[in-house]
Amino acid sequence: MSDDDAKGPGPTSLSVTGALKAVTRTPVEVLEPAFIVGEVKLADGTVLKLRILVNTAYRLEGLTDEAGRPAYQLESLVIPSVVKWEAKP
C-alpha cells in the first residue's frame, strides 16, 4: 500500500481553471479486469445490484488532482439485476 492509499481517498473531482482545452488520452492496459459490485436503492423500494466491468482505461494527460495524481477515463459495462422489489397488485 502506498502512502497515498494510507491517507484515504483523494478529492472526488478535478479543478480545471481557464479556457477548456483538448486533452490527450493515453490507453493504459487493464491487467486484472474485475467486477466492481454495488447496490442502488430506488424510491419505489426496488434494490438493484450493479456489477461494473472496466473494459478500457485512459490516462488523461496533463490533468491531475490537487495531490498530483493523474486523472483517468474508464470505459465500462454495467450489468444490473433486481435484488428486491415490491409487486404491485
N, C-alpha and C. Protein backbone atom coordinates (compact mmCIF):
# COMPACT_ATOMS: atom_id res chain seq x y z
N MET A 1 0.85 -1.17 0.00
CA MET A 1 0.00 0.00 0.00
C MET A 1 0.89 1.23 0.00
N SER A 2 0.56 2.19 -0.86
CA SER A 2 1.36 3.41 -0.94
C SER A 2 0.95 4.38 0.15
N ASP A 3 1.77 5.43 0.34
CA ASP A 3 1.44 6.45 1.32
C ASP A 3 0.13 7.14 0.98
N ASP A 4 -0.14 7.34 -0.31
CA ASP A 4 -1.40 7.98 -0.73
C ASP A 4 -2.60 7.12 -0.35
N ASP A 5 -2.48 5.79 -0.49
CA ASP A 5 -3.57 4.89 -0.12
C ASP A 5 -3.86 4.97 1.37
N ALA A 6 -2.82 5.10 2.17
CA ALA A 6 -2.99 5.14 3.62
C ALA A 6 -3.72 6.40 4.07
N LYS A 7 -3.66 7.45 3.29
CA LYS A 7 -4.33 8.70 3.64
C LYS A 7 -5.81 8.67 3.32
N GLY A 8 -6.28 7.66 2.66
CA GLY A 8 -7.69 7.59 2.29
C GLY A 8 -7.91 8.15 0.91
N PRO A 9 -9.17 8.15 0.48
CA PRO A 9 -9.46 8.61 -0.87
C PRO A 9 -9.15 10.09 -1.02
N GLY A 10 -8.77 10.46 -2.23
CA GLY A 10 -8.47 11.86 -2.54
C GLY A 10 -9.72 12.60 -2.94
N PRO A 11 -9.54 13.77 -3.52
CA PRO A 11 -10.66 14.57 -3.96
C PRO A 11 -11.52 13.81 -4.97
N THR A 12 -12.80 14.14 -4.99
CA THR A 12 -13.70 13.44 -5.90
C THR A 12 -13.84 14.14 -7.23
N SER A 13 -13.20 15.29 -7.40
CA SER A 13 -13.29 15.98 -8.68
C SER A 13 -11.96 16.67 -8.97
N LEU A 14 -11.80 17.07 -10.21
CA LEU A 14 -10.61 17.78 -10.63
C LEU A 14 -10.94 19.25 -10.77
N SER A 15 -9.99 20.08 -10.42
CA SER A 15 -10.17 21.52 -10.63
C SER A 15 -9.57 21.88 -11.98
N VAL A 16 -10.37 22.50 -12.82
CA VAL A 16 -9.89 22.94 -14.11
C VAL A 16 -10.14 24.44 -14.19
N THR A 17 -9.08 25.19 -14.40
CA THR A 17 -9.23 26.64 -14.49
C THR A 17 -8.85 27.12 -15.87
N GLY A 18 -9.33 28.27 -16.22
CA GLY A 18 -9.01 28.84 -17.53
C GLY A 18 -9.87 28.23 -18.62
N ALA A 19 -9.49 28.49 -19.86
CA ALA A 19 -10.25 28.00 -21.01
C ALA A 19 -10.11 26.49 -21.12
N LEU A 20 -11.17 25.86 -21.62
CA LEU A 20 -11.12 24.42 -21.85
C LEU A 20 -10.16 24.13 -23.00
N LYS A 21 -9.45 23.02 -22.89
CA LYS A 21 -8.52 22.64 -23.94
C LYS A 21 -8.70 21.17 -24.25
N ALA A 22 -8.21 20.77 -25.41
CA ALA A 22 -8.26 19.36 -25.78
C ALA A 22 -7.34 18.57 -24.86
N VAL A 23 -7.78 17.38 -24.49
CA VAL A 23 -6.99 16.53 -23.61
C VAL A 23 -6.59 15.28 -24.37
N THR A 24 -5.33 14.91 -24.28
CA THR A 24 -4.83 13.70 -24.91
C THR A 24 -5.08 12.52 -23.99
N ARG A 25 -5.67 11.45 -24.56
CA ARG A 25 -5.90 10.23 -23.80
C ARG A 25 -4.83 9.21 -24.18
N THR A 26 -4.20 8.61 -23.17
CA THR A 26 -3.22 7.56 -23.39
C THR A 26 -3.80 6.25 -22.88
N PRO A 27 -3.99 5.24 -23.75
CA PRO A 27 -4.53 3.96 -23.29
C PRO A 27 -3.61 3.32 -22.25
N VAL A 28 -4.22 2.76 -21.22
CA VAL A 28 -3.50 2.03 -20.18
C VAL A 28 -4.16 0.66 -20.08
N GLU A 29 -3.38 -0.39 -20.27
CA GLU A 29 -3.91 -1.75 -20.25
C GLU A 29 -4.50 -2.09 -18.89
N VAL A 30 -5.69 -2.69 -18.90
CA VAL A 30 -6.31 -3.17 -17.68
C VAL A 30 -5.78 -4.59 -17.46
N LEU A 31 -4.92 -4.76 -16.46
CA LEU A 31 -4.24 -6.04 -16.25
C LEU A 31 -5.14 -7.09 -15.62
N GLU A 32 -5.95 -6.68 -14.67
CA GLU A 32 -6.81 -7.64 -13.98
C GLU A 32 -8.24 -7.13 -13.99
N PRO A 33 -8.97 -7.38 -15.08
CA PRO A 33 -10.36 -6.93 -15.11
C PRO A 33 -11.12 -7.58 -13.95
N ALA A 34 -11.88 -6.79 -13.25
CA ALA A 34 -12.62 -7.30 -12.10
C ALA A 34 -13.99 -6.66 -12.07
N PHE A 35 -14.94 -7.39 -11.56
CA PHE A 35 -16.26 -6.83 -11.36
C PHE A 35 -16.26 -6.02 -10.08
N ILE A 36 -16.77 -4.82 -10.17
CA ILE A 36 -17.00 -3.98 -9.00
C ILE A 36 -18.49 -4.11 -8.72
N VAL A 37 -18.86 -4.45 -7.49
CA VAL A 37 -20.26 -4.71 -7.17
C VAL A 37 -20.76 -3.67 -6.18
N GLY A 38 -21.98 -3.20 -6.44
CA GLY A 38 -22.62 -2.26 -5.53
C GLY A 38 -24.12 -2.39 -5.65
N GLU A 39 -24.83 -1.79 -4.71
CA GLU A 39 -26.29 -1.81 -4.75
C GLU A 39 -26.82 -0.39 -4.76
N VAL A 40 -27.97 -0.23 -5.42
CA VAL A 40 -28.65 1.05 -5.50
C VAL A 40 -30.09 0.84 -5.06
N LYS A 41 -30.55 1.66 -4.12
CA LYS A 41 -31.94 1.58 -3.67
C LYS A 41 -32.73 2.69 -4.36
N LEU A 42 -33.86 2.33 -4.96
CA LEU A 42 -34.70 3.29 -5.67
C LEU A 42 -35.87 3.72 -4.79
N ALA A 43 -36.48 4.84 -5.12
CA ALA A 43 -37.57 5.42 -4.32
C ALA A 43 -38.78 4.49 -4.23
N ASP A 44 -38.99 3.62 -5.22
CA ASP A 44 -40.15 2.72 -5.17
C ASP A 44 -39.89 1.45 -4.37
N GLY A 45 -38.75 1.40 -3.69
CA GLY A 45 -38.42 0.24 -2.85
C GLY A 45 -37.57 -0.81 -3.55
N THR A 46 -37.38 -0.66 -4.83
CA THR A 46 -36.56 -1.62 -5.59
C THR A 46 -35.09 -1.47 -5.21
N VAL A 47 -34.40 -2.60 -5.10
CA VAL A 47 -32.97 -2.60 -4.88
C VAL A 47 -32.31 -3.27 -6.08
N LEU A 48 -31.39 -2.55 -6.71
CA LEU A 48 -30.66 -3.09 -7.85
C LEU A 48 -29.23 -3.44 -7.44
N LYS A 49 -28.77 -4.57 -7.89
CA LYS A 49 -27.36 -4.94 -7.72
C LYS A 49 -26.68 -4.57 -9.04
N LEU A 50 -25.63 -3.78 -8.97
CA LEU A 50 -24.89 -3.38 -10.15
C LEU A 50 -23.52 -4.02 -10.15
N ARG A 51 -23.19 -4.68 -11.26
CA ARG A 51 -21.85 -5.20 -11.45
C ARG A 51 -21.23 -4.38 -12.58
N ILE A 52 -20.07 -3.84 -12.32
CA ILE A 52 -19.40 -2.97 -13.28
C ILE A 52 -18.08 -3.62 -13.68
N LEU A 53 -17.89 -3.80 -14.97
CA LEU A 53 -16.66 -4.38 -15.50
C LEU A 53 -15.93 -3.30 -16.28
N VAL A 54 -14.73 -2.95 -15.84
CA VAL A 54 -13.92 -1.95 -16.53
C VAL A 54 -13.25 -2.63 -17.73
N ASN A 55 -13.56 -2.11 -18.93
CA ASN A 55 -13.00 -2.69 -20.16
C ASN A 55 -11.70 -2.01 -20.57
N THR A 56 -11.69 -0.68 -20.52
CA THR A 56 -10.58 0.10 -21.03
C THR A 56 -10.31 1.27 -20.11
N ALA A 57 -9.06 1.62 -19.95
CA ALA A 57 -8.68 2.79 -19.14
C ALA A 57 -7.81 3.71 -19.98
N TYR A 58 -8.02 5.01 -19.79
CA TYR A 58 -7.20 6.02 -20.45
C TYR A 58 -6.70 7.00 -19.40
N ARG A 59 -5.41 7.32 -19.44
CA ARG A 59 -4.87 8.38 -18.60
C ARG A 59 -5.07 9.69 -19.36
N LEU A 60 -5.60 10.70 -18.68
CA LEU A 60 -5.84 12.00 -19.29
C LEU A 60 -4.60 12.86 -19.05
N GLU A 61 -3.81 13.01 -20.09
CA GLU A 61 -2.52 13.69 -19.97
C GLU A 61 -2.71 15.15 -19.58
N GLY A 62 -1.94 15.58 -18.59
CA GLY A 62 -1.96 16.97 -18.17
C GLY A 62 -3.02 17.30 -17.14
N LEU A 63 -3.87 16.33 -16.77
CA LEU A 63 -4.89 16.56 -15.75
C LEU A 63 -4.52 15.78 -14.49
N THR A 64 -4.47 16.47 -13.37
CA THR A 64 -4.19 15.84 -12.09
C THR A 64 -5.09 16.46 -11.03
N ASP A 65 -5.20 15.78 -9.89
CA ASP A 65 -5.91 16.38 -8.76
C ASP A 65 -4.92 17.24 -7.98
N GLU A 66 -5.38 17.80 -6.87
CA GLU A 66 -4.54 18.71 -6.08
C GLU A 66 -3.28 18.04 -5.55
N ALA A 67 -3.30 16.72 -5.39
CA ALA A 67 -2.14 15.99 -4.87
C ALA A 67 -1.20 15.55 -5.99
N GLY A 68 -1.56 15.84 -7.25
CA GLY A 68 -0.71 15.47 -8.37
C GLY A 68 -1.00 14.10 -8.96
N ARG A 69 -2.05 13.42 -8.47
CA ARG A 69 -2.40 12.10 -9.02
C ARG A 69 -3.07 12.28 -10.38
N PRO A 70 -2.76 11.41 -11.34
CA PRO A 70 -3.32 11.56 -12.69
C PRO A 70 -4.81 11.26 -12.74
N ALA A 71 -5.47 11.84 -13.74
CA ALA A 71 -6.90 11.60 -13.97
C ALA A 71 -7.04 10.50 -15.01
N TYR A 72 -8.09 9.71 -14.90
CA TYR A 72 -8.35 8.61 -15.83
C TYR A 72 -9.79 8.67 -16.33
N GLN A 73 -9.99 8.18 -17.54
CA GLN A 73 -11.32 7.97 -18.09
C GLN A 73 -11.47 6.47 -18.26
N LEU A 74 -12.62 5.93 -17.88
CA LEU A 74 -12.84 4.49 -17.97
C LEU A 74 -13.99 4.19 -18.91
N GLU A 75 -13.84 3.12 -19.66
CA GLU A 75 -14.95 2.56 -20.43
C GLU A 75 -15.34 1.28 -19.71
N SER A 76 -16.64 1.15 -19.43
CA SER A 76 -17.07 0.01 -18.62
C SER A 76 -18.43 -0.50 -19.08
N LEU A 77 -18.76 -1.67 -18.60
CA LEU A 77 -20.04 -2.31 -18.85
C LEU A 77 -20.75 -2.42 -17.51
N VAL A 78 -21.99 -1.92 -17.43
CA VAL A 78 -22.78 -2.01 -16.20
C VAL A 78 -23.84 -3.09 -16.40
N ILE A 79 -23.85 -4.07 -15.49
CA ILE A 79 -24.80 -5.18 -15.58
C ILE A 79 -25.72 -5.10 -14.35
N PRO A 80 -26.96 -4.63 -14.55
CA PRO A 80 -27.88 -4.52 -13.41
C PRO A 80 -28.70 -5.79 -13.23
N SER A 81 -29.08 -6.07 -12.00
CA SER A 81 -30.05 -7.14 -11.71
C SER A 81 -30.89 -6.68 -10.52
N VAL A 82 -32.16 -7.09 -10.52
CA VAL A 82 -33.08 -6.71 -9.45
C VAL A 82 -32.90 -7.66 -8.28
N VAL A 83 -32.62 -7.11 -7.10
CA VAL A 83 -32.43 -7.90 -5.89
C VAL A 83 -33.73 -7.98 -5.11
N LYS A 84 -34.44 -6.84 -5.04
CA LYS A 84 -35.66 -6.76 -4.25
C LYS A 84 -36.61 -5.80 -4.95
N TRP A 85 -37.90 -6.14 -4.93
CA TRP A 85 -38.92 -5.24 -5.47
C TRP A 85 -40.24 -5.55 -4.80
N GLU A 86 -41.14 -4.61 -4.88
CA GLU A 86 -42.47 -4.80 -4.33
C GLU A 86 -43.44 -4.95 -5.50
N ALA A 87 -44.07 -6.11 -5.56
CA ALA A 87 -45.01 -6.37 -6.65
C ALA A 87 -46.26 -5.52 -6.45
N LYS A 88 -46.74 -4.92 -7.52
CA LYS A 88 -47.95 -4.11 -7.48
C LYS A 88 -49.14 -4.98 -7.88
N PRO A 89 -50.24 -4.92 -7.10
CA PRO A 89 -51.42 -5.75 -7.42
C PRO A 89 -52.10 -5.33 -8.71
